[in-house]
């Protein structure tokens, strides 16, 4: 069994740094055009250069998304963008459109081509076709079971890598190809502008009774009939590895740094534990499950991996996230002689709050700051100002970029 790559989303340079620090083997990023997350912060060319340098210095790969379904007007800018990618030298580009793939082969033949899940990759014959077109890796469709992926692995060349989503939001339309957003909001999901109408509340209306909104189920708020649970395969690393998946992919380029840190660290620990000792991995399943829930998430599902989902895989009563922890600060520096951490505030906390510092080795350091100072050493009783630099006493040395979180009061 080969140890799979842990592939983490990075919607910004800050998130890329967090992903790298918490154990990603590779990150995937999008520029300001041609990716499928137009609402993410995304990377300017300058930030992308910084991100690739930061990752490569630490032995982490970077893949760039160019996976829109292109129209004629897009192609000229794609040519210009690929000239930039030629200078950037990422480890791979993720494409879905055959025309863009052809352009990539012509302009940047030295860069690996990965085929996006948007290309609906559901059978071994299709994968063999794309391999002949120069594709190094295929992101298999979320609609495949483990048995189907195993068959694909057996009937495709060994040098064709398989990548699969193992965690994050699920799309109700086949491999992300959806026209709901385009139809209802004139925002094209296949060009990165999805407004997520699948998460809205819906009622039924009978044609001759306009204005009479009938719930699909007995609930006065209607029903979120397309609202899928989030994918989570943290309990099935062993099965994912055994079917021959080369890269375990996390969804979430629009998610927070707390999400990136939590999911990266937990999957890193689970993968490493399994390859150290499968029995150790089994003993720690409850621990992984507890940790993975310490960032915002919906209820979890295993998606299509063990068969077609039932009605139990939808969330009918809400489209809100479950939030048990809040991201309160990030470590900027540590002053050894003062035993003082310099932090950047992200959400309010007060003197005496119990906080958790997420260490990169998987441990959580519990601290209860009895003092808070601004950078001029003026004492404060609380930290209410976003991104304010503060100092708090911490007896243990803290690395830069560690995430600090606080448990929500329930």
Foldseek 3Di string as FASTA:
>chain_A
DDQAFEEFEALFLLLLVLLQLLAGQEYEFEACFQAQAVPGPGDHLVSLLVSCVVQVVSNHAYEYENAFQDDPVCVVVLLVVLVSCLVSVGQAYEYAYPVSLVSCCVRPVVHAYEYALNNAAQALVVVQVVVVSRHQEYEHWLQDALVRLLVSCVRHDPRYAYEYEAWWADFLDTSQQDCPQCVPPVAHSSGNGRPPPLLDFAFDDDPVGPPDTHAPDPDPRHWSQSAFFIGHCLVPPVSCVVSRHRYHYYDDNRDDSLLSSQVSNLSSVLSVQCVVPVVSSVVCSVVSVVSNLQAWGGDYDNDDHPHHDDSVRHGIPHSGTDHFKAFFWFFAAADLVQQKTKIFGAAKDFQQAWKWWQRSVRDTDTDGFNWKAAPVRDTDGMDHDGRGIIMTHHNDGDDGGTIMMHGDDD
